[in-house]
Amino acid sequence: MAVDLTARDAAQDKVQESLAAVFDQYAPLLYRYALRLCRDQIMADQIVGDVFSQLLERLAAGEGPQTNLRAYLYQITYHFVVDHARDRERNAPLDELSDMQAREKDVITQVEDQGLLDAVAAVVNQELTDEQRQVIVLRFQENFSLRDTAEIMNKDVNAIKALQNRAITKLQNALMERNYEP
C-alpha cells in the first residue's frame, strides 16, 4: 500500500534536507574554527553540536539568521567558545599558527621561512589581546570581510578596523624586534 505524502510532510522533508546540507557544509568549518580558539578537540566538537542545537531551537521559535547564515553560525560558535573559556576560568590562547603546516599546506607554502611562522605564532599568542587575535583569525584565516567580522564579534566595522590595525602594528613591531622583516 503506497503512502501519500501531504504537503506538510513534503515541506518537512525539504526542511530536513536543507538542515542536513547546512550541517554538512558548515560543521567542519565551525569545528576547525572552534579548535583554533579552544585547542581542545572534544570541546570543539561539543561546541559545534551546541551551535547546531541552538540554531534548531531558534529556527523552531521563528528566529534565526535573517541574511548571512555563515556569519551567524560563526558568531554563535564564537560565543560558545567564550562561554566555555569563562567556565574553565582561563583564556583560550591561539597556538594554532604553529600547527597550520599539517592542515593548511596552501598557507604554509606561501611562508618559506619556518622561523618567521614561529615568530608570528609567538607574537599572536603572547602579545595580542584576545579581541585582536579573534580579528586576525576571522579576517586572515577564515577570510571574513570587515562587516562579517564586525557582525560576529558584535562590534561596529570601525572598531574591527582599529583592532585589526593595532594587531598588525603589534605584529610588525614584534617581528622587527626579533629581526624579521614583515
N, C-alpha and C. Protein backbone atom coordinates (compact mmCIF):
# COMPACT_ATOMS: atom_id res chain seq x y z
N MET A 1 0.84 -1.18 0.00
CA MET A 1 0.00 0.00 0.00
C MET A 1 0.89 1.24 0.00
N ALA A 2 0.73 2.11 -0.95
CA ALA A 2 1.53 3.33 -1.07
C ALA A 2 1.05 4.37 -0.07
N VAL A 3 1.99 5.11 0.46
CA VAL A 3 1.67 6.15 1.43
C VAL A 3 1.72 7.50 0.71
N ASP A 4 0.64 8.27 0.79
CA ASP A 4 0.61 9.60 0.20
C ASP A 4 1.21 10.60 1.17
N LEU A 5 2.15 11.39 0.66
CA LEU A 5 2.72 12.45 1.49
C LEU A 5 1.87 13.70 1.36
N THR A 6 1.55 14.28 2.46
CA THR A 6 0.82 15.54 2.42
C THR A 6 1.82 16.65 2.09
N ALA A 7 1.30 17.81 1.79
CA ALA A 7 2.16 18.96 1.51
C ALA A 7 3.04 19.26 2.73
N ARG A 8 2.47 19.07 3.91
CA ARG A 8 3.23 19.34 5.14
C ARG A 8 4.39 18.36 5.28
N ASP A 9 4.14 17.09 5.01
CA ASP A 9 5.20 16.08 5.09
C ASP A 9 6.31 16.37 4.08
N ALA A 10 5.91 16.77 2.88
CA ALA A 10 6.88 17.10 1.84
C ALA A 10 7.72 18.31 2.26
N ALA A 11 7.05 19.32 2.82
CA ALA A 11 7.76 20.50 3.29
C ALA A 11 8.73 20.14 4.41
N GLN A 12 8.30 19.28 5.33
CA GLN A 12 9.16 18.85 6.44
C GLN A 12 10.39 18.11 5.90
N ASP A 13 10.19 17.27 4.89
CA ASP A 13 11.32 16.57 4.28
C ASP A 13 12.30 17.56 3.66
N LYS A 14 11.79 18.59 2.99
CA LYS A 14 12.65 19.61 2.39
C LYS A 14 13.45 20.35 3.47
N VAL A 15 12.79 20.69 4.57
CA VAL A 15 13.47 21.38 5.67
C VAL A 15 14.58 20.50 6.23
N GLN A 16 14.29 19.22 6.44
CA GLN A 16 15.30 18.31 6.98
C GLN A 16 16.48 18.17 6.02
N GLU A 17 16.20 18.09 4.73
CA GLU A 17 17.29 18.02 3.74
C GLU A 17 18.12 19.29 3.76
N SER A 18 17.47 20.45 3.88
CA SER A 18 18.18 21.72 3.93
C SER A 18 19.05 21.82 5.16
N LEU A 19 18.52 21.42 6.31
CA LEU A 19 19.30 21.46 7.55
C LEU A 19 20.49 20.50 7.48
N ALA A 20 20.29 19.35 6.90
CA ALA A 20 21.39 18.39 6.74
C ALA A 20 22.47 18.98 5.84
N ALA A 21 22.07 19.67 4.79
CA ALA A 21 23.04 20.30 3.88
C ALA A 21 23.81 21.41 4.60
N VAL A 22 23.11 22.20 5.41
CA VAL A 22 23.77 23.26 6.19
C VAL A 22 24.77 22.63 7.15
N PHE A 23 24.38 21.57 7.82
CA PHE A 23 25.29 20.89 8.75
C PHE A 23 26.51 20.36 8.00
N ASP A 24 26.29 19.68 6.90
CA ASP A 24 27.40 19.11 6.12
C ASP A 24 28.36 20.18 5.64
N GLN A 25 27.83 21.32 5.26
CA GLN A 25 28.67 22.40 4.74
C GLN A 25 29.44 23.12 5.85
N TYR A 26 28.79 23.39 6.97
CA TYR A 26 29.40 24.27 7.97
C TYR A 26 30.02 23.56 9.16
N ALA A 27 29.62 22.37 9.49
CA ALA A 27 30.16 21.69 10.68
C ALA A 27 31.68 21.56 10.64
N PRO A 28 32.28 21.12 9.53
CA PRO A 28 33.75 21.02 9.53
C PRO A 28 34.44 22.38 9.68
N LEU A 29 33.88 23.41 9.07
CA LEU A 29 34.46 24.75 9.17
C LEU A 29 34.36 25.29 10.60
N LEU A 30 33.20 25.10 11.21
CA LEU A 30 32.99 25.58 12.57
C LEU A 30 33.85 24.79 13.56
N TYR A 31 34.02 23.51 13.31
CA TYR A 31 34.88 22.68 14.17
C TYR A 31 36.31 23.20 14.11
N ARG A 32 36.82 23.44 12.91
CA ARG A 32 38.19 23.94 12.76
C ARG A 32 38.36 25.29 13.45
N TYR A 33 37.37 26.16 13.29
CA TYR A 33 37.40 27.48 13.91
C TYR A 33 37.38 27.36 15.44
N ALA A 34 36.49 26.55 15.97
CA ALA A 34 36.42 26.36 17.43
C ALA A 34 37.71 25.73 17.95
N LEU A 35 38.27 24.79 17.22
CA LEU A 35 39.51 24.15 17.63
C LEU A 35 40.66 25.14 17.66
N ARG A 36 40.69 26.06 16.71
CA ARG A 36 41.74 27.10 16.72
C ARG A 36 41.66 27.93 17.99
N LEU A 37 40.46 28.18 18.44
CA LEU A 37 40.30 29.06 19.59
C LEU A 37 40.44 28.34 20.92
N CYS A 38 39.93 27.13 21.03
CA CYS A 38 39.95 26.47 22.34
C CYS A 38 41.00 25.37 22.46
N ARG A 39 41.57 24.92 21.34
CA ARG A 39 42.65 23.92 21.32
C ARG A 39 42.27 22.62 22.01
N ASP A 40 41.03 22.25 21.99
CA ASP A 40 40.57 21.03 22.62
C ASP A 40 39.58 20.37 21.67
N GLN A 41 39.94 19.19 21.14
CA GLN A 41 39.11 18.54 20.14
C GLN A 41 37.73 18.18 20.67
N ILE A 42 37.67 17.68 21.87
CA ILE A 42 36.38 17.30 22.45
C ILE A 42 35.51 18.53 22.65
N MET A 43 36.11 19.59 23.19
CA MET A 43 35.34 20.81 23.41
C MET A 43 34.89 21.42 22.08
N ALA A 44 35.75 21.40 21.07
CA ALA A 44 35.38 21.95 19.76
C ALA A 44 34.21 21.16 19.18
N ASP A 45 34.24 19.85 19.32
CA ASP A 45 33.15 19.02 18.83
C ASP A 45 31.85 19.32 19.58
N GLN A 46 31.96 19.48 20.88
CA GLN A 46 30.79 19.81 21.70
C GLN A 46 30.23 21.18 21.31
N ILE A 47 31.10 22.11 21.07
CA ILE A 47 30.67 23.46 20.69
C ILE A 47 29.90 23.42 19.37
N VAL A 48 30.39 22.67 18.40
CA VAL A 48 29.69 22.56 17.11
C VAL A 48 28.30 21.96 17.32
N GLY A 49 28.21 20.95 18.16
CA GLY A 49 26.90 20.38 18.47
C GLY A 49 25.98 21.39 19.12
N ASP A 50 26.53 22.18 20.05
CA ASP A 50 25.75 23.22 20.71
C ASP A 50 25.29 24.29 19.72
N VAL A 51 26.14 24.62 18.77
CA VAL A 51 25.80 25.64 17.77
C VAL A 51 24.59 25.19 16.96
N PHE A 52 24.63 23.95 16.49
CA PHE A 52 23.51 23.48 15.67
C PHE A 52 22.26 23.23 16.50
N SER A 53 22.44 22.87 17.74
CA SER A 53 21.29 22.73 18.63
C SER A 53 20.61 24.08 18.83
N GLN A 54 21.42 25.11 19.07
CA GLN A 54 20.86 26.44 19.25
C GLN A 54 20.23 26.95 17.96
N LEU A 55 20.84 26.66 16.81
CA LEU A 55 20.26 27.05 15.53
C LEU A 55 18.87 26.44 15.37
N LEU A 56 18.75 25.15 15.66
CA LEU A 56 17.45 24.48 15.54
C LEU A 56 16.43 25.08 16.49
N GLU A 57 16.85 25.37 17.72
CA GLU A 57 15.93 25.98 18.69
C GLU A 57 15.44 27.34 18.20
N ARG A 58 16.36 28.14 17.69
CA ARG A 58 15.98 29.47 17.22
C ARG A 58 15.09 29.40 15.98
N LEU A 59 15.39 28.48 15.09
CA LEU A 59 14.54 28.32 13.90
C LEU A 59 13.14 27.85 14.30
N ALA A 60 13.06 26.95 15.26
CA ALA A 60 11.76 26.46 15.73
C ALA A 60 10.95 27.58 16.38
N ALA A 61 11.65 28.54 16.97
CA ALA A 61 10.98 29.67 17.61
C ALA A 61 10.69 30.79 16.62
N GLY A 62 11.00 30.57 15.34
CA GLY A 62 10.76 31.59 14.33
C GLY A 62 11.83 32.66 14.31
N GLU A 63 12.96 32.39 14.92
CA GLU A 63 14.08 33.33 14.95
C GLU A 63 15.20 32.76 14.09
N GLY A 64 16.35 33.34 14.20
CA GLY A 64 17.49 32.82 13.47
C GLY A 64 18.05 33.85 12.51
N PRO A 65 18.94 33.41 11.65
CA PRO A 65 19.61 34.36 10.76
C PRO A 65 18.64 34.96 9.75
N GLN A 66 18.77 36.25 9.53
CA GLN A 66 17.93 36.93 8.56
C GLN A 66 18.62 37.04 7.20
N THR A 67 19.96 37.19 7.22
CA THR A 67 20.66 37.39 5.95
C THR A 67 21.85 36.47 5.77
N ASN A 68 22.79 36.46 6.70
CA ASN A 68 24.08 35.81 6.49
C ASN A 68 24.22 34.60 7.42
N LEU A 69 23.87 33.43 6.95
CA LEU A 69 23.92 32.23 7.76
C LEU A 69 25.34 31.93 8.22
N ARG A 70 26.32 32.09 7.34
CA ARG A 70 27.72 31.80 7.69
C ARG A 70 28.18 32.65 8.87
N ALA A 71 27.99 33.95 8.78
CA ALA A 71 28.39 34.85 9.87
C ALA A 71 27.62 34.53 11.14
N TYR A 72 26.36 34.23 11.00
CA TYR A 72 25.51 33.88 12.14
C TYR A 72 26.06 32.66 12.87
N LEU A 73 26.42 31.61 12.12
CA LEU A 73 26.95 30.39 12.74
C LEU A 73 28.30 30.64 13.40
N TYR A 74 29.16 31.43 12.76
CA TYR A 74 30.45 31.75 13.36
C TYR A 74 30.26 32.58 14.63
N GLN A 75 29.28 33.47 14.62
CA GLN A 75 29.01 34.28 15.80
C GLN A 75 28.57 33.40 16.97
N ILE A 76 27.67 32.47 16.72
CA ILE A 76 27.24 31.55 17.77
C ILE A 76 28.43 30.74 18.27
N THR A 77 29.25 30.26 17.35
CA THR A 77 30.43 29.48 17.72
C THR A 77 31.36 30.30 18.61
N TYR A 78 31.62 31.52 18.21
CA TYR A 78 32.48 32.41 18.99
C TYR A 78 31.95 32.58 20.41
N HIS A 79 30.65 32.80 20.53
CA HIS A 79 30.07 32.99 21.86
C HIS A 79 30.16 31.72 22.71
N PHE A 80 29.98 30.57 22.10
CA PHE A 80 30.14 29.32 22.86
C PHE A 80 31.59 29.12 23.30
N VAL A 81 32.54 29.46 22.45
CA VAL A 81 33.96 29.34 22.84
C VAL A 81 34.24 30.25 24.02
N VAL A 82 33.76 31.48 23.94
CA VAL A 82 33.97 32.43 25.05
C VAL A 82 33.31 31.90 26.33
N ASP A 83 32.09 31.39 26.22
CA ASP A 83 31.41 30.85 27.39
C ASP A 83 32.18 29.68 27.99
N HIS A 84 32.67 28.78 27.14
CA HIS A 84 33.44 27.64 27.65
C HIS A 84 34.75 28.09 28.29
N ALA A 85 35.38 29.10 27.70
CA ALA A 85 36.63 29.62 28.28
C ALA A 85 36.37 30.24 29.65
N ARG A 86 35.27 30.95 29.77
CA ARG A 86 34.91 31.53 31.07
C ARG A 86 34.62 30.45 32.08
N ASP A 87 33.93 29.40 31.63
CA ASP A 87 33.63 28.29 32.54
C ASP A 87 34.90 27.63 33.05
N ARG A 88 35.89 27.55 32.21
CA ARG A 88 37.13 26.91 32.60
C ARG A 88 38.08 27.89 33.29
N GLU A 89 37.66 29.14 33.39
CA GLU A 89 38.41 30.22 34.03
C GLU A 89 39.83 30.34 33.49
N ARG A 90 39.91 30.28 32.20
CA ARG A 90 41.20 30.53 31.56
C ARG A 90 40.95 31.03 30.16
N ASN A 91 41.94 31.69 29.61
CA ASN A 91 41.83 32.17 28.24
C ASN A 91 42.00 31.01 27.29
N ALA A 92 41.54 31.20 26.09
CA ALA A 92 41.74 30.21 25.04
C ALA A 92 42.78 30.75 24.08
N PRO A 93 44.09 30.63 24.44
CA PRO A 93 45.13 31.20 23.58
C PRO A 93 45.19 30.46 22.25
N LEU A 94 45.74 31.11 21.29
CA LEU A 94 45.76 30.57 19.94
C LEU A 94 47.16 30.11 19.57
N ASP A 95 47.43 28.82 19.69
CA ASP A 95 48.70 28.23 19.26
C ASP A 95 48.60 27.70 17.84
N GLU A 96 47.45 27.86 17.26
CA GLU A 96 47.14 27.20 16.01
C GLU A 96 48.10 27.54 14.89
N LEU A 97 48.67 28.73 14.87
CA LEU A 97 49.53 29.09 13.75
C LEU A 97 50.70 28.12 13.59
N SER A 98 51.24 27.62 14.69
CA SER A 98 52.36 26.70 14.58
C SER A 98 51.94 25.32 14.11
N ASP A 99 50.64 25.00 14.21
CA ASP A 99 50.14 23.70 13.78
C ASP A 99 49.53 23.74 12.38
N MET A 100 49.55 24.88 11.72
CA MET A 100 48.90 25.00 10.43
C MET A 100 49.54 24.13 9.36
N GLN A 101 50.80 23.79 9.49
CA GLN A 101 51.52 23.10 8.43
C GLN A 101 50.82 21.81 8.02
N ALA A 102 50.38 21.02 9.00
CA ALA A 102 49.76 19.74 8.67
C ALA A 102 48.39 19.91 8.02
N ARG A 103 47.64 20.94 8.41
CA ARG A 103 46.26 21.06 7.96
C ARG A 103 46.04 22.06 6.84
N GLU A 104 46.88 23.03 6.71
CA GLU A 104 46.64 24.07 5.72
C GLU A 104 47.89 24.31 4.90
N LYS A 105 48.28 23.31 4.12
CA LYS A 105 49.52 23.36 3.37
C LYS A 105 49.56 24.53 2.40
N ASP A 106 48.41 24.94 1.88
CA ASP A 106 48.40 26.05 0.93
C ASP A 106 48.89 27.34 1.58
N VAL A 107 48.60 27.55 2.85
CA VAL A 107 49.07 28.74 3.55
C VAL A 107 50.56 28.60 3.85
N ILE A 108 50.96 27.43 4.30
CA ILE A 108 52.35 27.20 4.66
C ILE A 108 53.27 27.35 3.46
N THR A 109 52.84 26.90 2.30
CA THR A 109 53.70 27.01 1.14
C THR A 109 54.00 28.46 0.80
N GLN A 110 53.15 29.37 1.22
CA GLN A 110 53.40 30.79 1.00
C GLN A 110 54.41 31.34 2.00
N VAL A 111 54.61 30.65 3.09
CA VAL A 111 55.53 31.11 4.12
C VAL A 111 56.77 30.22 4.06
N GLU A 112 57.81 30.73 3.42
CA GLU A 112 59.00 29.92 3.21
C GLU A 112 59.81 29.73 4.49
N ASP A 113 59.83 30.69 5.33
CA ASP A 113 60.71 30.67 6.49
C ASP A 113 59.95 30.19 7.73
N GLN A 114 60.24 28.98 8.20
CA GLN A 114 59.56 28.42 9.39
C GLN A 114 59.84 29.29 10.62
N GLY A 115 61.00 29.90 10.67
CA GLY A 115 61.32 30.79 11.78
C GLY A 115 60.37 31.97 11.84
N LEU A 116 60.01 32.50 10.68
CA LEU A 116 59.04 33.60 10.63
C LEU A 116 57.68 33.14 11.11
N LEU A 117 57.26 31.96 10.69
CA LEU A 117 55.98 31.41 11.14
C LEU A 117 55.97 31.24 12.66
N ASP A 118 57.06 30.72 13.20
CA ASP A 118 57.15 30.55 14.66
C ASP A 118 57.12 31.90 15.37
N ALA A 119 57.79 32.88 14.79
CA ALA A 119 57.79 34.22 15.40
C ALA A 119 56.39 34.83 15.36
N VAL A 120 55.69 34.67 14.26
CA VAL A 120 54.32 35.20 14.15
C VAL A 120 53.42 34.51 15.18
N ALA A 121 53.54 33.18 15.30
CA ALA A 121 52.73 32.44 16.26
C ALA A 121 52.99 32.92 17.68
N ALA A 122 54.26 33.14 18.00
CA ALA A 122 54.61 33.61 19.35
C ALA A 122 54.01 34.99 19.61
N VAL A 123 54.10 35.87 18.64
CA VAL A 123 53.55 37.22 18.80
C VAL A 123 52.04 37.16 18.95
N VAL A 124 51.38 36.39 18.11
CA VAL A 124 49.92 36.28 18.18
C VAL A 124 49.51 35.77 19.54
N ASN A 125 50.20 34.77 20.05
CA ASN A 125 49.82 34.15 21.32
C ASN A 125 50.20 34.98 22.54
N GLN A 126 51.29 35.70 22.46
CA GLN A 126 51.81 36.38 23.65
C GLN A 126 51.51 37.86 23.71
N GLU A 127 51.38 38.51 22.57
CA GLU A 127 51.33 39.97 22.61
C GLU A 127 50.01 40.57 22.14
N LEU A 128 49.18 39.80 21.46
CA LEU A 128 47.90 40.33 21.02
C LEU A 128 46.83 40.07 22.08
N THR A 129 45.88 40.98 22.17
CA THR A 129 44.75 40.76 23.06
C THR A 129 43.85 39.68 22.47
N ASP A 130 42.94 39.16 23.27
CA ASP A 130 42.01 38.15 22.76
C ASP A 130 41.21 38.69 21.57
N GLU A 131 40.76 39.93 21.66
CA GLU A 131 39.98 40.52 20.56
C GLU A 131 40.83 40.69 19.31
N GLN A 132 42.09 41.11 19.48
CA GLN A 132 42.96 41.26 18.32
C GLN A 132 43.23 39.90 17.66
N ARG A 133 43.44 38.87 18.50
CA ARG A 133 43.63 37.51 17.96
C ARG A 133 42.40 37.08 17.18
N GLN A 134 41.24 37.35 17.74
CA GLN A 134 39.98 36.96 17.10
C GLN A 134 39.84 37.64 15.74
N VAL A 135 40.17 38.91 15.67
CA VAL A 135 40.09 39.63 14.40
C VAL A 135 41.06 39.03 13.38
N ILE A 136 42.28 38.74 13.80
CA ILE A 136 43.27 38.15 12.89
C ILE A 136 42.79 36.80 12.38
N VAL A 137 42.25 35.97 13.25
CA VAL A 137 41.74 34.66 12.83
C VAL A 137 40.59 34.82 11.85
N LEU A 138 39.62 35.64 12.18
CA LEU A 138 38.44 35.79 11.32
C LEU A 138 38.80 36.44 9.97
N ARG A 139 39.63 37.46 10.00
CA ARG A 139 39.94 38.18 8.77
C ARG A 139 40.91 37.41 7.87
N PHE A 140 41.97 36.83 8.45
CA PHE A 140 43.04 36.30 7.60
C PHE A 140 43.08 34.77 7.53
N GLN A 141 42.52 34.09 8.50
CA GLN A 141 42.47 32.64 8.40
C GLN A 141 41.11 32.15 7.91
N GLU A 142 40.05 32.81 8.33
CA GLU A 142 38.71 32.41 7.91
C GLU A 142 38.20 33.24 6.73
N ASN A 143 38.94 34.28 6.37
CA ASN A 143 38.63 35.13 5.20
C ASN A 143 37.28 35.83 5.28
N PHE A 144 36.91 36.29 6.46
CA PHE A 144 35.68 37.06 6.60
C PHE A 144 35.94 38.52 6.22
N SER A 145 34.92 39.17 5.73
CA SER A 145 35.01 40.61 5.44
C SER A 145 35.00 41.38 6.76
N LEU A 146 35.30 42.67 6.66
CA LEU A 146 35.24 43.53 7.86
C LEU A 146 33.82 43.52 8.43
N ARG A 147 32.85 43.62 7.56
CA ARG A 147 31.45 43.67 8.01
C ARG A 147 31.04 42.37 8.71
N ASP A 148 31.41 41.24 8.12
CA ASP A 148 31.06 39.95 8.73
C ASP A 148 31.79 39.76 10.06
N THR A 149 33.05 40.17 10.10
CA THR A 149 33.82 40.08 11.35
C THR A 149 33.16 40.94 12.42
N ALA A 150 32.73 42.13 12.05
CA ALA A 150 32.05 43.02 12.99
C ALA A 150 30.76 42.38 13.50
N GLU A 151 30.03 41.75 12.61
CA GLU A 151 28.78 41.10 12.99
C GLU A 151 29.05 39.94 13.96
N ILE A 152 30.05 39.14 13.67
CA ILE A 152 30.38 38.00 14.52
C ILE A 152 30.79 38.46 15.91
N MET A 153 31.57 39.54 15.98
CA MET A 153 32.09 40.00 17.26
C MET A 153 31.20 41.04 17.94
N ASN A 154 30.05 41.33 17.35
CA ASN A 154 29.12 42.32 17.90
C ASN A 154 29.79 43.68 18.10
N LYS A 155 30.52 44.10 17.10
CA LYS A 155 31.19 45.40 17.13
C LYS A 155 30.88 46.11 15.82
N ASP A 156 31.20 47.39 15.77
CA ASP A 156 30.99 48.08 14.52
C ASP A 156 32.25 47.96 13.65
N VAL A 157 32.10 48.20 12.37
CA VAL A 157 33.18 47.98 11.42
C VAL A 157 34.41 48.81 11.77
N ASN A 158 34.21 50.04 12.23
CA ASN A 158 35.35 50.89 12.60
C ASN A 158 36.13 50.30 13.77
N ALA A 159 35.43 49.70 14.71
CA ALA A 159 36.13 49.06 15.84
C ALA A 159 36.96 47.87 15.35
N ILE A 160 36.43 47.12 14.39
CA ILE A 160 37.17 45.99 13.82
C ILE A 160 38.41 46.50 13.08
N LYS A 161 38.24 47.58 12.31
CA LYS A 161 39.40 48.17 11.61
C LYS A 161 40.48 48.58 12.60
N ALA A 162 40.06 49.21 13.70
CA ALA A 162 41.03 49.65 14.70
C ALA A 162 41.73 48.45 15.35
N LEU A 163 40.95 47.42 15.72
CA LEU A 163 41.56 46.21 16.30
C LEU A 163 42.53 45.57 15.31
N GLN A 164 42.14 45.48 14.06
CA GLN A 164 43.00 44.88 13.04
C GLN A 164 44.28 45.69 12.87
N ASN A 165 44.16 47.01 12.78
CA ASN A 165 45.34 47.86 12.61
C ASN A 165 46.28 47.76 13.80
N ARG A 166 45.72 47.75 15.02
CA ARG A 166 46.57 47.61 16.21
C ARG A 166 47.27 46.25 16.22
N ALA A 167 46.55 45.22 15.85
CA ALA A 167 47.13 43.87 15.83
C ALA A 167 48.27 43.79 14.81
N ILE A 168 48.05 44.33 13.62
CA ILE A 168 49.08 44.30 12.58
C ILE A 168 50.30 45.12 13.01
N THR A 169 50.06 46.26 13.61
CA THR A 169 51.16 47.09 14.10
C THR A 169 51.96 46.34 15.16
N LYS A 170 51.27 45.69 16.10
CA LYS A 170 51.96 44.90 17.12
C LYS A 170 52.77 43.78 16.49
N LEU A 171 52.17 43.10 15.51
CA LEU A 171 52.89 42.03 14.82
C LEU A 171 54.14 42.57 14.13
N GLN A 172 54.02 43.67 13.41
CA GLN A 172 55.16 44.25 12.71
C GLN A 172 56.26 44.65 13.69
N ASN A 173 55.88 45.36 14.75
CA ASN A 173 56.88 45.81 15.72
C ASN A 173 57.57 44.64 16.40
N ALA A 174 56.81 43.65 16.81
CA ALA A 174 57.39 42.48 17.48
C ALA A 174 58.31 41.71 16.54
N LEU A 175 57.92 41.59 15.28
CA LEU A 175 58.76 40.88 14.31
C LEU A 175 60.05 41.65 14.03
N MET A 176 59.95 42.96 13.96
CA MET A 176 61.17 43.77 13.77
C MET A 176 62.10 43.64 14.97
N GLU A 177 61.53 43.59 16.18
CA GLU A 177 62.35 43.39 17.38
C GLU A 177 63.06 42.03 17.34
N ARG A 178 62.44 41.06 16.69
CA ARG A 178 63.03 39.72 16.55
C ARG A 178 63.87 39.60 15.28
N ASN A 179 64.13 40.74 14.64
CA ASN A 179 64.95 40.82 13.42
C ASN A 179 64.31 40.12 12.21
N TYR A 180 63.00 40.14 12.12
CA TYR A 180 62.29 39.64 10.94
C TYR A 180 61.65 40.82 10.27
N GLU A 181 61.77 40.87 8.97
CA GLU A 181 61.14 41.93 8.19
C GLU A 181 59.72 41.49 7.83
N PRO A 182 58.69 42.23 8.27
CA PRO A 182 57.31 41.85 7.91
C PRO A 182 57.06 42.07 6.43
